[in-house]
Amino acid sequence: MGRIPPISRSAVAGAKNATVRECRSISMPTPASPLHASPNPDRTIMPFVVTDSCIQCKYTDCVEVCPMDCFRQGPNFLVIVPDNCIDCSMCVPECPVGAIYNETDLPPEQRHFIEINARLAAHPDWQPITRSQAPLPDHESWREVANKLEFLKLA
């Protein structure tokens, strides 16, 4: 079964009179439904993945547009809770460093972030974040740095 494509930003924006609360009340497929089916039952399906570019920057523009409050925050990185994500893609264009990818578009060198996101989304110290906050103090100096995984702080 193929993936259902994400809802376009224009389609969501065109839903006149819809509030975030109304969007949250829409009945969505459960993780056991075909939308979230995986050929490997031990593998987590990640509709969207936060990658290396977020580390040490932690821009939070993305959390403000998420209709399902899917983001969790650690000291210097954000992750998406896979079971909460409705695959709307609204967060993707909001990230100023392009750190968020649809799993199907994830570059091969960033694929390890699938498991990192899933693991940290379940970490008890990583709490929900639903409102934008200021980026980390040195965000500008880290913005163009690649391969920052060694700087990821777990708690």
N, C-alpha and C. Protein backbone atom coordinates (compact mmCIF):
# COMPACT_ATOMS: atom_id res chain seq x y z
N MET A 1 0.85 -1.17 0.00
CA MET A 1 0.00 0.00 0.00
C MET A 1 0.89 1.23 0.00
N GLY A 2 0.63 2.22 -0.87
CA GLY A 2 1.42 3.44 -0.93
C GLY A 2 1.05 4.41 0.18
N ARG A 3 1.95 5.35 0.40
CA ARG A 3 1.69 6.37 1.42
C ARG A 3 0.67 7.37 0.90
N ILE A 4 -0.15 7.84 1.79
CA ILE A 4 -1.07 8.90 1.44
C ILE A 4 -0.27 10.20 1.46
N PRO A 5 -0.32 11.01 0.41
CA PRO A 5 0.49 12.22 0.38
C PRO A 5 0.05 13.19 1.47
N PRO A 6 1.00 14.02 1.97
CA PRO A 6 0.64 14.98 3.00
C PRO A 6 -0.35 16.01 2.47
N ILE A 7 -1.10 16.59 3.36
CA ILE A 7 -2.05 17.64 3.02
C ILE A 7 -1.25 18.88 2.67
N SER A 8 -1.57 19.54 1.60
CA SER A 8 -0.82 20.73 1.21
C SER A 8 -1.15 21.89 2.13
N ARG A 9 -0.17 22.77 2.30
CA ARG A 9 -0.36 23.94 3.15
C ARG A 9 -1.52 24.80 2.64
N SER A 10 -1.65 24.92 1.32
CA SER A 10 -2.71 25.74 0.76
C SER A 10 -4.08 25.13 1.04
N ALA A 11 -4.16 23.80 1.04
CA ALA A 11 -5.44 23.15 1.34
C ALA A 11 -5.84 23.40 2.78
N VAL A 12 -4.86 23.34 3.67
CA VAL A 12 -5.16 23.59 5.08
C VAL A 12 -5.52 25.06 5.27
N ALA A 13 -4.74 25.95 4.65
CA ALA A 13 -5.00 27.38 4.78
C ALA A 13 -6.35 27.74 4.18
N GLY A 14 -6.79 26.99 3.18
CA GLY A 14 -8.07 27.28 2.54
C GLY A 14 -9.28 26.76 3.30
N ALA A 15 -9.06 26.06 4.37
CA ALA A 15 -10.18 25.53 5.17
C ALA A 15 -10.72 26.67 6.03
N LYS A 16 -11.60 27.47 5.44
CA LYS A 16 -12.14 28.65 6.12
C LYS A 16 -12.87 28.26 7.39
N ASN A 17 -12.70 29.11 8.37
CA ASN A 17 -13.39 28.99 9.66
C ASN A 17 -12.95 27.77 10.47
N ALA A 18 -11.94 27.05 10.05
CA ALA A 18 -11.47 25.91 10.84
C ALA A 18 -10.48 26.40 11.88
N THR A 19 -10.68 26.04 13.10
CA THR A 19 -9.76 26.41 14.16
C THR A 19 -8.83 25.24 14.44
N VAL A 20 -7.75 25.51 15.14
CA VAL A 20 -6.83 24.44 15.51
C VAL A 20 -7.56 23.40 16.34
N ARG A 21 -8.42 23.84 17.25
CA ARG A 21 -9.17 22.90 18.09
C ARG A 21 -10.04 21.99 17.22
N GLU A 22 -10.67 22.53 16.18
CA GLU A 22 -11.47 21.70 15.28
C GLU A 22 -10.60 20.71 14.52
N CYS A 23 -9.43 21.16 14.08
CA CYS A 23 -8.52 20.26 13.37
C CYS A 23 -8.09 19.12 14.28
N ARG A 24 -7.87 19.41 15.56
CA ARG A 24 -7.44 18.39 16.49
C ARG A 24 -8.54 17.38 16.78
N SER A 25 -9.79 17.78 16.58
CA SER A 25 -10.89 16.87 16.90
C SER A 25 -11.22 15.92 15.75
N ILE A 26 -10.59 16.12 14.60
CA ILE A 26 -10.84 15.25 13.46
C ILE A 26 -10.36 13.85 13.81
N SER A 27 -11.16 12.86 13.51
CA SER A 27 -10.79 11.48 13.78
C SER A 27 -9.71 11.06 12.80
N MET A 28 -8.56 10.70 13.31
CA MET A 28 -7.44 10.33 12.47
C MET A 28 -7.16 8.83 12.61
N PRO A 29 -6.49 8.26 11.62
CA PRO A 29 -6.15 6.84 11.70
C PRO A 29 -5.27 6.57 12.92
N THR A 30 -5.44 5.44 13.51
CA THR A 30 -4.62 5.04 14.66
C THR A 30 -3.34 4.41 14.14
N PRO A 31 -2.31 4.28 14.99
CA PRO A 31 -1.07 3.67 14.53
C PRO A 31 -1.26 2.25 14.00
N ALA A 32 -2.34 1.58 14.37
CA ALA A 32 -2.58 0.22 13.89
C ALA A 32 -3.30 0.20 12.54
N SER A 33 -3.72 1.36 12.06
CA SER A 33 -4.46 1.42 10.81
C SER A 33 -3.53 1.26 9.61
N PRO A 34 -4.07 0.99 8.43
CA PRO A 34 -3.25 0.80 7.23
C PRO A 34 -2.38 2.00 6.89
N LEU A 35 -2.81 3.22 7.25
CA LEU A 35 -2.00 4.40 6.96
C LEU A 35 -0.64 4.28 7.63
N HIS A 36 -0.60 3.69 8.81
CA HIS A 36 0.64 3.57 9.56
C HIS A 36 1.22 2.16 9.50
N ALA A 37 0.72 1.33 8.63
CA ALA A 37 1.21 -0.04 8.54
C ALA A 37 2.65 -0.06 8.06
N SER A 38 3.41 -0.97 8.58
CA SER A 38 4.80 -1.12 8.20
C SER A 38 5.07 -2.58 7.87
N PRO A 39 5.84 -2.85 6.82
CA PRO A 39 6.18 -4.24 6.53
C PRO A 39 6.99 -4.86 7.67
N ASN A 40 7.69 -4.03 8.43
CA ASN A 40 8.46 -4.49 9.57
C ASN A 40 7.78 -3.97 10.83
N PRO A 41 7.08 -4.82 11.60
CA PRO A 41 6.33 -4.34 12.76
C PRO A 41 7.21 -3.77 13.86
N ASP A 42 8.52 -4.02 13.84
CA ASP A 42 9.41 -3.48 14.85
C ASP A 42 9.92 -2.09 14.49
N ARG A 43 9.63 -1.64 13.29
CA ARG A 43 10.11 -0.35 12.82
C ARG A 43 9.05 0.72 13.01
N THR A 44 9.46 1.86 13.54
CA THR A 44 8.55 2.98 13.74
C THR A 44 8.36 3.73 12.43
N ILE A 45 7.12 4.02 12.09
CA ILE A 45 6.84 4.86 10.93
C ILE A 45 6.95 6.31 11.39
N MET A 46 7.77 7.07 10.72
CA MET A 46 7.98 8.48 11.05
C MET A 46 7.50 9.31 9.87
N PRO A 47 6.31 9.87 9.93
CA PRO A 47 5.87 10.71 8.81
C PRO A 47 6.87 11.82 8.51
N PHE A 48 7.34 12.50 9.56
CA PHE A 48 8.32 13.57 9.40
C PHE A 48 9.42 13.38 10.42
N VAL A 49 10.62 13.77 10.03
CA VAL A 49 11.81 13.55 10.85
C VAL A 49 12.58 14.86 10.99
N VAL A 50 12.95 15.19 12.22
CA VAL A 50 13.81 16.35 12.47
C VAL A 50 15.25 15.84 12.39
N THR A 51 16.09 16.57 11.67
CA THR A 51 17.44 16.09 11.39
C THR A 51 18.53 16.98 11.99
N ASP A 52 19.73 16.66 11.61
CA ASP A 52 20.96 17.28 12.10
C ASP A 52 20.94 18.81 12.16
N SER A 53 20.33 19.46 11.20
CA SER A 53 20.35 20.93 11.14
C SER A 53 19.72 21.59 12.36
N CYS A 54 18.86 20.90 13.06
CA CYS A 54 18.20 21.46 14.24
C CYS A 54 19.12 21.52 15.45
N ILE A 55 20.08 20.61 15.52
CA ILE A 55 20.95 20.53 16.70
C ILE A 55 21.72 21.84 16.87
N GLN A 56 21.71 22.34 18.09
CA GLN A 56 22.39 23.56 18.52
C GLN A 56 21.71 24.84 18.01
N CYS A 57 20.64 24.72 17.24
CA CYS A 57 19.88 25.89 16.78
C CYS A 57 18.53 25.94 17.50
N LYS A 58 17.78 24.85 17.35
CA LYS A 58 16.47 24.67 17.99
C LYS A 58 15.53 25.84 17.70
N TYR A 59 15.37 26.12 16.43
CA TYR A 59 14.34 27.08 16.02
C TYR A 59 13.00 26.40 16.30
N THR A 60 12.02 27.15 16.72
CA THR A 60 10.74 26.53 17.11
C THR A 60 9.56 27.06 16.32
N ASP A 61 9.81 27.65 15.18
CA ASP A 61 8.72 28.14 14.32
C ASP A 61 7.76 27.00 13.97
N CYS A 62 8.30 25.80 13.81
CA CYS A 62 7.54 24.62 13.40
C CYS A 62 6.47 24.23 14.42
N VAL A 63 6.74 24.41 15.69
CA VAL A 63 5.79 23.95 16.71
C VAL A 63 4.52 24.79 16.71
N GLU A 64 4.65 26.02 16.32
CA GLU A 64 3.50 26.94 16.31
C GLU A 64 2.42 26.53 15.31
N VAL A 65 2.82 25.89 14.21
CA VAL A 65 1.85 25.52 13.16
C VAL A 65 1.36 24.08 13.27
N CYS A 66 1.92 23.30 14.17
CA CYS A 66 1.54 21.89 14.28
C CYS A 66 0.15 21.76 14.91
N PRO A 67 -0.83 21.24 14.15
CA PRO A 67 -2.19 21.14 14.69
C PRO A 67 -2.36 20.03 15.73
N MET A 68 -1.36 19.17 15.87
CA MET A 68 -1.48 18.03 16.78
C MET A 68 -0.50 18.08 17.96
N ASP A 69 0.24 19.17 18.10
CA ASP A 69 1.22 19.30 19.18
C ASP A 69 2.17 18.11 19.23
N CYS A 70 2.78 17.80 18.10
CA CYS A 70 3.64 16.62 17.96
C CYS A 70 5.07 16.81 18.42
N PHE A 71 5.48 18.01 18.69
CA PHE A 71 6.89 18.25 18.98
C PHE A 71 7.23 18.05 20.46
N ARG A 72 8.42 17.51 20.69
CA ARG A 72 9.00 17.38 22.03
C ARG A 72 10.35 18.07 21.96
N GLN A 73 10.77 18.63 23.10
CA GLN A 73 12.04 19.35 23.10
C GLN A 73 13.01 18.78 24.12
N GLY A 74 14.25 18.77 23.70
CA GLY A 74 15.36 18.46 24.57
C GLY A 74 16.17 19.73 24.72
N PRO A 75 17.33 19.63 25.32
CA PRO A 75 18.14 20.83 25.56
C PRO A 75 18.53 21.60 24.30
N ASN A 76 18.82 20.88 23.20
CA ASN A 76 19.28 21.58 21.99
C ASN A 76 18.76 20.98 20.69
N PHE A 77 17.57 20.37 20.75
CA PHE A 77 17.03 19.68 19.58
C PHE A 77 15.54 19.46 19.78
N LEU A 78 14.80 19.36 18.68
CA LEU A 78 13.38 19.03 18.71
C LEU A 78 13.17 17.69 18.01
N VAL A 79 12.12 16.98 18.40
CA VAL A 79 11.73 15.75 17.71
C VAL A 79 10.22 15.75 17.51
N ILE A 80 9.75 14.87 16.64
CA ILE A 80 8.33 14.74 16.36
C ILE A 80 7.86 13.39 16.88
N VAL A 81 6.75 13.39 17.61
CA VAL A 81 6.16 12.15 18.12
C VAL A 81 5.46 11.46 16.94
N PRO A 82 5.94 10.30 16.52
CA PRO A 82 5.39 9.67 15.32
C PRO A 82 3.92 9.28 15.44
N ASP A 83 3.48 8.86 16.61
CA ASP A 83 2.09 8.43 16.77
C ASP A 83 1.10 9.59 16.75
N ASN A 84 1.57 10.81 16.97
CA ASN A 84 0.68 11.97 16.99
C ASN A 84 0.62 12.68 15.64
N CYS A 85 1.64 12.52 14.83
CA CYS A 85 1.75 13.25 13.57
C CYS A 85 0.69 12.77 12.57
N ILE A 86 -0.01 13.73 11.98
CA ILE A 86 -1.04 13.40 10.99
C ILE A 86 -0.55 13.58 9.56
N ASP A 87 0.76 13.80 9.39
CA ASP A 87 1.36 13.87 8.06
C ASP A 87 0.86 15.08 7.27
N CYS A 88 0.64 16.20 7.96
CA CYS A 88 0.10 17.38 7.28
C CYS A 88 1.17 18.21 6.59
N SER A 89 2.41 18.09 7.00
CA SER A 89 3.59 18.77 6.44
C SER A 89 3.63 20.27 6.71
N MET A 90 2.80 20.79 7.57
CA MET A 90 2.81 22.22 7.83
C MET A 90 4.10 22.70 8.49
N CYS A 91 4.77 21.83 9.21
CA CYS A 91 6.00 22.21 9.90
C CYS A 91 7.18 22.38 8.95
N VAL A 92 7.19 21.66 7.86
CA VAL A 92 8.35 21.62 6.97
C VAL A 92 8.78 23.01 6.49
N PRO A 93 7.90 23.80 5.88
CA PRO A 93 8.35 25.10 5.38
C PRO A 93 8.64 26.12 6.48
N GLU A 94 8.22 25.83 7.70
CA GLU A 94 8.46 26.78 8.79
C GLU A 94 9.87 26.72 9.34
N CYS A 95 10.58 25.63 9.12
CA CYS A 95 11.93 25.47 9.67
C CYS A 95 12.91 26.31 8.86
N PRO A 96 13.54 27.31 9.48
CA PRO A 96 14.45 28.19 8.73
C PRO A 96 15.76 27.53 8.31
N VAL A 97 16.06 26.35 8.86
CA VAL A 97 17.30 25.65 8.46
C VAL A 97 17.01 24.37 7.68
N GLY A 98 15.76 24.13 7.33
CA GLY A 98 15.41 22.95 6.54
C GLY A 98 15.71 21.64 7.23
N ALA A 99 15.46 21.58 8.53
CA ALA A 99 15.80 20.38 9.30
C ALA A 99 14.73 19.30 9.27
N ILE A 100 13.52 19.61 8.77
CA ILE A 100 12.42 18.66 8.83
C ILE A 100 12.17 18.08 7.43
N TYR A 101 12.14 16.74 7.38
CA TYR A 101 11.93 16.03 6.12
C TYR A 101 10.79 15.03 6.27
N ASN A 102 10.07 14.84 5.18
CA ASN A 102 9.18 13.69 5.11
C ASN A 102 10.11 12.48 5.08
N GLU A 103 9.74 11.41 5.77
CA GLU A 103 10.62 10.24 5.83
C GLU A 103 10.99 9.74 4.44
N THR A 104 10.06 9.81 3.50
CA THR A 104 10.35 9.31 2.15
C THR A 104 11.36 10.18 1.41
N ASP A 105 11.54 11.43 1.84
CA ASP A 105 12.49 12.35 1.20
C ASP A 105 13.79 12.50 1.97
N LEU A 106 13.92 11.77 3.05
CA LEU A 106 15.08 11.89 3.93
C LEU A 106 16.36 11.49 3.20
N PRO A 107 17.37 12.36 3.18
CA PRO A 107 18.64 11.99 2.54
C PRO A 107 19.26 10.77 3.24
N PRO A 108 19.91 9.90 2.49
CA PRO A 108 20.48 8.69 3.08
C PRO A 108 21.39 8.96 4.29
N GLU A 109 22.15 10.04 4.24
CA GLU A 109 23.06 10.34 5.34
C GLU A 109 22.35 10.84 6.60
N GLN A 110 21.03 11.05 6.51
CA GLN A 110 20.25 11.50 7.66
C GLN A 110 19.28 10.42 8.17
N ARG A 111 19.29 9.24 7.59
CA ARG A 111 18.32 8.19 7.93
C ARG A 111 18.41 7.75 9.39
N HIS A 112 19.57 7.87 10.00
CA HIS A 112 19.70 7.48 11.41
C HIS A 112 18.84 8.35 12.33
N PHE A 113 18.38 9.50 11.82
CA PHE A 113 17.52 10.37 12.63
C PHE A 113 16.11 9.82 12.78
N ILE A 114 15.74 8.83 11.99
CA ILE A 114 14.43 8.19 12.18
C ILE A 114 14.38 7.57 13.58
N GLU A 115 15.38 6.76 13.88
CA GLU A 115 15.40 6.12 15.20
C GLU A 115 15.65 7.13 16.31
N ILE A 116 16.50 8.12 16.07
CA ILE A 116 16.77 9.14 17.08
C ILE A 116 15.48 9.87 17.44
N ASN A 117 14.70 10.27 16.43
CA ASN A 117 13.42 10.96 16.70
C ASN A 117 12.48 10.06 17.49
N ALA A 118 12.33 8.82 17.06
CA ALA A 118 11.41 7.91 17.75
C ALA A 118 11.82 7.68 19.19
N ARG A 119 13.12 7.46 19.41
CA ARG A 119 13.61 7.19 20.76
C ARG A 119 13.46 8.42 21.67
N LEU A 120 13.85 9.59 21.17
CA LEU A 120 13.78 10.79 22.01
C LEU A 120 12.34 11.27 22.21
N ALA A 121 11.46 11.01 21.26
CA ALA A 121 10.05 11.38 21.42
C ALA A 121 9.43 10.64 22.61
N ALA A 122 9.96 9.47 22.91
CA ALA A 122 9.46 8.67 24.04
C ALA A 122 10.25 8.90 25.32
N HIS A 123 11.28 9.69 25.27
CA HIS A 123 12.13 9.94 26.44
C HIS A 123 11.36 10.76 27.47
N PRO A 124 11.32 10.34 28.73
CA PRO A 124 10.52 11.05 29.73
C PRO A 124 10.96 12.48 30.01
N ASP A 125 12.23 12.80 29.75
CA ASP A 125 12.70 14.17 29.99
C ASP A 125 12.39 15.12 28.84
N TRP A 126 11.97 14.57 27.70
CA TRP A 126 11.67 15.40 26.54
C TRP A 126 10.19 15.75 26.59
N GLN A 127 9.91 17.01 26.90
CA GLN A 127 8.55 17.45 27.14
C GLN A 127 7.93 18.11 25.90
N PRO A 128 6.59 18.12 25.83
CA PRO A 128 5.91 18.77 24.70
C PRO A 128 6.26 20.26 24.64
N ILE A 129 6.31 20.75 23.43
CA ILE A 129 6.48 22.18 23.19
C ILE A 129 5.41 22.57 22.17
N THR A 130 4.61 23.58 22.50
CA THR A 130 3.50 23.96 21.64
C THR A 130 3.54 25.43 21.22
N ARG A 131 4.49 26.18 21.74
CA ARG A 131 4.62 27.60 21.39
C ARG A 131 6.06 27.90 21.02
N SER A 132 6.24 28.83 20.11
CA SER A 132 7.58 29.22 19.71
C SER A 132 8.34 29.81 20.89
N GLN A 133 9.62 29.55 20.88
CA GLN A 133 10.54 30.13 21.85
C GLN A 133 11.71 30.70 21.06
N ALA A 134 12.51 31.49 21.72
CA ALA A 134 13.71 32.01 21.06
C ALA A 134 14.65 30.85 20.74
N PRO A 135 15.36 30.93 19.61
CA PRO A 135 16.34 29.87 19.32
C PRO A 135 17.47 29.92 20.35
N LEU A 136 18.31 28.92 20.33
CA LEU A 136 19.44 28.87 21.26
C LEU A 136 20.35 30.07 21.04
N PRO A 137 21.04 30.51 22.09
CA PRO A 137 21.85 31.74 22.00
C PRO A 137 22.86 31.77 20.86
N ASP A 138 23.53 30.67 20.56
CA ASP A 138 24.55 30.65 19.51
C ASP A 138 24.02 30.11 18.18
N HIS A 139 22.71 30.16 17.99
CA HIS A 139 22.11 29.56 16.79
C HIS A 139 22.72 30.04 15.49
N GLU A 140 23.06 31.29 15.38
CA GLU A 140 23.60 31.81 14.12
C GLU A 140 24.95 31.16 13.78
N SER A 141 25.77 30.91 14.78
CA SER A 141 27.08 30.31 14.51
C SER A 141 26.97 28.82 14.17
N TRP A 142 25.86 28.18 14.52
CA TRP A 142 25.65 26.75 14.23
C TRP A 142 24.81 26.51 12.99
N ARG A 143 24.19 27.53 12.47
CA ARG A 143 23.21 27.40 11.39
C ARG A 143 23.73 26.64 10.16
N GLU A 144 24.95 26.90 9.76
CA GLU A 144 25.53 26.29 8.55
C GLU A 144 26.43 25.09 8.84
N VAL A 145 26.57 24.72 10.11
CA VAL A 145 27.44 23.61 10.48
C VAL A 145 26.73 22.29 10.17
N ALA A 146 27.46 21.35 9.59
CA ALA A 146 26.91 20.01 9.28
C ALA A 146 27.46 19.00 10.28
N ASN A 147 26.84 17.84 10.31
CA ASN A 147 27.30 16.72 11.13
C ASN A 147 27.44 17.11 12.62
N LYS A 148 26.34 17.54 13.20
CA LYS A 148 26.34 18.01 14.57
C LYS A 148 25.88 16.97 15.59
N LEU A 149 25.70 15.73 15.16
CA LEU A 149 25.17 14.71 16.05
C LEU A 149 25.95 14.57 17.35
N GLU A 150 27.26 14.73 17.30
CA GLU A 150 28.06 14.60 18.52
C GLU A 150 27.72 15.67 19.56
N PHE A 151 27.02 16.72 19.16
CA PHE A 151 26.66 17.79 20.08
C PHE A 151 25.24 17.64 20.64
N LEU A 152 24.52 16.62 20.20
CA LEU A 152 23.15 16.39 20.66
C LEU A 152 23.17 16.06 22.16
N LYS A 153 22.41 16.83 22.92
CA LYS A 153 22.31 16.62 24.37
C LYS A 153 21.01 15.86 24.65
N LEU A 154 21.11 14.79 25.40
CA LEU A 154 19.92 13.98 25.68
C LEU A 154 19.13 14.50 26.86
N ALA A 155 19.79 15.11 27.81
CA ALA A 155 19.08 15.66 28.97
C ALA A 155 19.88 16.75 29.60
